[in-house]
Amino acid sequence: MLLHRSGTKRFHHPVIGDVSFAYEVMELSADTGLTLTAYSPEPGSSSHDSVALLASWAATLDERPQDASSPHRRP
């Protein structure tokens, strides 16, 4: 089986649109076939800016007072 160990992956997010992430796959010695994949946007790229915007938006949602009827209520 051919497995790409690193590269670029594109995603489409419904709020921020198309973003690209560099990725790297690392094998974990705990179990045969177990891997960890790390994704990160290139610093200074439009994808980095879009992800930062999404993170700040999510943080703003966490800071708002929420009532029991809110669909975004956190337990």
N, C-alpha and C. Protein backbone atom coordinates (compact mmCIF):
# COMPACT_ATOMS: atom_id res chain seq x y z
N MET A 1 0.84 -1.18 0.00
CA MET A 1 0.00 0.00 0.00
C MET A 1 0.89 1.25 0.00
N LEU A 2 0.63 2.16 -0.93
CA LEU A 2 1.39 3.39 -1.03
C LEU A 2 0.73 4.44 -0.14
N LEU A 3 1.51 5.01 0.77
CA LEU A 3 0.98 6.01 1.68
C LEU A 3 1.82 7.28 1.54
N HIS A 4 1.17 8.38 1.26
CA HIS A 4 1.88 9.66 1.18
C HIS A 4 2.22 10.10 2.60
N ARG A 5 3.47 10.41 2.84
CA ARG A 5 3.94 10.80 4.18
C ARG A 5 3.84 12.30 4.43
N SER A 6 3.80 13.08 3.36
CA SER A 6 3.67 14.53 3.50
C SER A 6 3.12 15.10 2.20
N GLY A 7 2.62 16.30 2.29
CA GLY A 7 2.07 16.93 1.10
C GLY A 7 1.14 18.07 1.47
N THR A 8 0.25 18.38 0.55
CA THR A 8 -0.73 19.44 0.75
C THR A 8 -2.12 18.86 0.53
N LYS A 9 -3.02 19.21 1.41
CA LYS A 9 -4.41 18.74 1.32
C LYS A 9 -5.32 19.96 1.29
N ARG A 10 -6.26 19.96 0.36
CA ARG A 10 -7.24 21.04 0.25
C ARG A 10 -8.57 20.59 0.86
N PHE A 11 -9.21 21.51 1.55
CA PHE A 11 -10.51 21.25 2.16
C PHE A 11 -11.45 22.40 1.77
N HIS A 12 -12.73 22.11 1.80
CA HIS A 12 -13.73 23.17 1.64
C HIS A 12 -14.52 23.24 2.94
N HIS A 13 -14.49 24.40 3.56
CA HIS A 13 -15.23 24.63 4.80
C HIS A 13 -16.44 25.50 4.46
N PRO A 14 -17.63 25.20 5.03
CA PRO A 14 -18.83 25.96 4.65
C PRO A 14 -18.79 27.44 5.05
N VAL A 15 -17.97 27.82 6.01
CA VAL A 15 -17.91 29.22 6.44
C VAL A 15 -16.74 29.96 5.80
N ILE A 16 -15.55 29.37 5.81
CA ILE A 16 -14.36 30.08 5.34
C ILE A 16 -13.95 29.71 3.92
N GLY A 17 -14.62 28.74 3.32
CA GLY A 17 -14.34 28.38 1.93
C GLY A 17 -13.18 27.40 1.80
N ASP A 18 -12.45 27.51 0.69
CA ASP A 18 -11.35 26.60 0.40
C ASP A 18 -10.10 26.97 1.18
N VAL A 19 -9.49 25.98 1.80
CA VAL A 19 -8.25 26.18 2.54
C VAL A 19 -7.29 25.04 2.20
N SER A 20 -6.00 25.32 2.29
CA SER A 20 -4.97 24.32 2.05
C SER A 20 -4.12 24.15 3.29
N PHE A 21 -3.78 22.91 3.58
CA PHE A 21 -2.95 22.59 4.74
C PHE A 21 -1.79 21.71 4.30
N ALA A 22 -0.61 22.00 4.82
CA ALA A 22 0.50 21.07 4.69
C ALA A 22 0.23 19.96 5.70
N TYR A 23 0.60 18.72 5.35
CA TYR A 23 0.41 17.64 6.30
C TYR A 23 1.64 16.75 6.35
N GLU A 24 1.77 16.07 7.48
CA GLU A 24 2.84 15.10 7.66
C GLU A 24 2.28 13.92 8.44
N VAL A 25 2.55 12.73 7.95
CA VAL A 25 2.09 11.50 8.60
C VAL A 25 3.26 10.90 9.37
N MET A 26 3.02 10.57 10.63
CA MET A 26 4.05 9.98 11.47
C MET A 26 3.56 8.64 11.99
N GLU A 27 4.39 7.63 11.87
CA GLU A 27 4.05 6.32 12.42
C GLU A 27 4.26 6.33 13.93
N LEU A 28 3.35 5.71 14.65
CA LEU A 28 3.46 5.60 16.10
C LEU A 28 3.85 4.17 16.45
N SER A 29 4.80 4.03 17.32
CA SER A 29 5.32 2.70 17.63
C SER A 29 4.41 1.90 18.57
N ALA A 30 3.37 2.51 19.08
CA ALA A 30 2.49 1.83 20.04
C ALA A 30 1.77 0.63 19.43
N ASP A 31 1.47 0.69 18.12
CA ASP A 31 0.73 -0.38 17.48
C ASP A 31 1.04 -0.37 15.98
N THR A 32 1.16 -1.52 15.39
CA THR A 32 1.44 -1.61 13.96
C THR A 32 0.32 -0.95 13.16
N GLY A 33 0.71 -0.08 12.24
CA GLY A 33 -0.26 0.59 11.39
C GLY A 33 -0.87 1.85 11.99
N LEU A 34 -0.53 2.17 13.22
CA LEU A 34 -1.07 3.36 13.88
C LEU A 34 -0.27 4.59 13.43
N THR A 35 -0.97 5.61 12.95
CA THR A 35 -0.31 6.83 12.48
C THR A 35 -0.99 8.05 13.07
N LEU A 36 -0.26 9.14 13.07
CA LEU A 36 -0.76 10.44 13.48
C LEU A 36 -0.52 11.37 12.31
N THR A 37 -1.54 12.10 11.90
CA THR A 37 -1.40 13.05 10.81
C THR A 37 -1.58 14.46 11.36
N ALA A 38 -0.58 15.31 11.13
CA ALA A 38 -0.62 16.70 11.58
C ALA A 38 -0.86 17.60 10.37
N TYR A 39 -1.82 18.49 10.49
CA TYR A 39 -2.16 19.45 9.43
C TYR A 39 -1.89 20.86 9.94
N SER A 40 -1.34 21.72 9.10
CA SER A 40 -1.17 23.11 9.47
C SER A 40 -1.15 23.99 8.22
N PRO A 41 -1.80 25.16 8.31
CA PRO A 41 -1.75 26.07 7.17
C PRO A 41 -0.39 26.77 7.12
N GLU A 42 0.05 27.13 5.95
CA GLU A 42 1.32 27.85 5.79
C GLU A 42 1.20 29.23 6.43
N PRO A 43 2.13 29.59 7.34
CA PRO A 43 2.07 30.92 7.97
C PRO A 43 2.05 32.03 6.93
N GLY A 44 1.17 33.01 7.13
CA GLY A 44 1.06 34.14 6.23
C GLY A 44 0.21 33.90 4.99
N SER A 45 -0.28 32.67 4.82
CA SER A 45 -1.10 32.35 3.65
C SER A 45 -2.55 32.77 3.89
N SER A 46 -3.33 32.79 2.81
CA SER A 46 -4.76 33.10 2.95
C SER A 46 -5.46 32.01 3.76
N SER A 47 -4.98 30.77 3.67
CA SER A 47 -5.56 29.68 4.47
C SER A 47 -5.31 29.92 5.95
N HIS A 48 -4.10 30.39 6.28
CA HIS A 48 -3.77 30.70 7.68
C HIS A 48 -4.69 31.80 8.20
N ASP A 49 -4.89 32.84 7.41
CA ASP A 49 -5.78 33.94 7.79
C ASP A 49 -7.22 33.45 7.97
N SER A 50 -7.67 32.59 7.07
CA SER A 50 -9.04 32.07 7.15
C SER A 50 -9.25 31.21 8.40
N VAL A 51 -8.27 30.38 8.72
CA VAL A 51 -8.37 29.53 9.90
C VAL A 51 -8.32 30.39 11.17
N ALA A 52 -7.49 31.43 11.18
CA ALA A 52 -7.44 32.34 12.32
C ALA A 52 -8.78 33.04 12.52
N LEU A 53 -9.40 33.46 11.41
CA LEU A 53 -10.72 34.08 11.49
C LEU A 53 -11.74 33.11 12.07
N LEU A 54 -11.72 31.87 11.60
CA LEU A 54 -12.64 30.85 12.11
C LEU A 54 -12.40 30.60 13.61
N ALA A 55 -11.15 30.55 14.02
CA ALA A 55 -10.82 30.34 15.44
C ALA A 55 -11.32 31.50 16.29
N SER A 56 -11.16 32.73 15.80
CA SER A 56 -11.63 33.88 16.58
C SER A 56 -13.15 33.90 16.65
N TRP A 57 -13.80 33.49 15.59
CA TRP A 57 -15.26 33.41 15.58
C TRP A 57 -15.74 32.36 16.59
N ALA A 58 -15.09 31.21 16.62
CA ALA A 58 -15.46 30.15 17.56
C ALA A 58 -15.20 30.61 18.99
N ALA A 59 -14.11 31.32 19.24
CA ALA A 59 -13.81 31.82 20.58
C ALA A 59 -14.86 32.82 21.02
N THR A 60 -15.34 33.64 20.09
CA THR A 60 -16.40 34.60 20.41
C THR A 60 -17.68 33.88 20.80
N LEU A 61 -18.00 32.78 20.14
CA LEU A 61 -19.18 32.00 20.50
C LEU A 61 -19.05 31.44 21.91
N ASP A 62 -17.85 31.01 22.28
CA ASP A 62 -17.62 30.46 23.61
C ASP A 62 -17.76 31.50 24.70
N GLU A 63 -17.51 32.77 24.40
CA GLU A 63 -17.55 33.83 25.40
C GLU A 63 -18.95 34.38 25.64
N ARG A 64 -19.88 34.14 24.71
CA ARG A 64 -21.24 34.68 24.86
C ARG A 64 -21.99 33.95 25.96
N PRO A 65 -22.82 34.67 26.72
CA PRO A 65 -23.70 33.98 27.67
C PRO A 65 -24.69 33.12 26.88
N GLN A 66 -24.92 31.92 27.35
CA GLN A 66 -25.80 31.00 26.63
C GLN A 66 -26.89 30.51 27.56
N ASP A 67 -28.10 30.41 27.00
CA ASP A 67 -29.19 29.85 27.79
C ASP A 67 -29.45 28.42 27.34
N ALA A 68 -30.29 27.72 28.04
CA ALA A 68 -30.54 26.30 27.78
C ALA A 68 -31.14 26.05 26.41
N SER A 69 -31.77 27.05 25.80
CA SER A 69 -32.41 26.83 24.50
C SER A 69 -31.47 27.10 23.33
N SER A 70 -30.27 27.58 23.59
CA SER A 70 -29.32 27.91 22.52
C SER A 70 -28.84 26.66 21.83
N PRO A 71 -28.85 26.64 20.47
CA PRO A 71 -28.36 25.46 19.75
C PRO A 71 -26.85 25.30 19.88
N HIS A 72 -26.14 26.36 20.31
CA HIS A 72 -24.68 26.30 20.45
C HIS A 72 -24.25 26.15 21.90
N ARG A 73 -25.19 25.75 22.75
CA ARG A 73 -24.91 25.60 24.17
C ARG A 73 -23.86 24.54 24.42
N ARG A 74 -22.90 24.85 25.26
CA ARG A 74 -21.85 23.90 25.65
C ARG A 74 -22.25 23.27 26.97
N PRO A 75 -21.99 21.98 27.13
CA PRO A 75 -22.34 21.32 28.40
C PRO A 75 -21.48 21.83 29.55
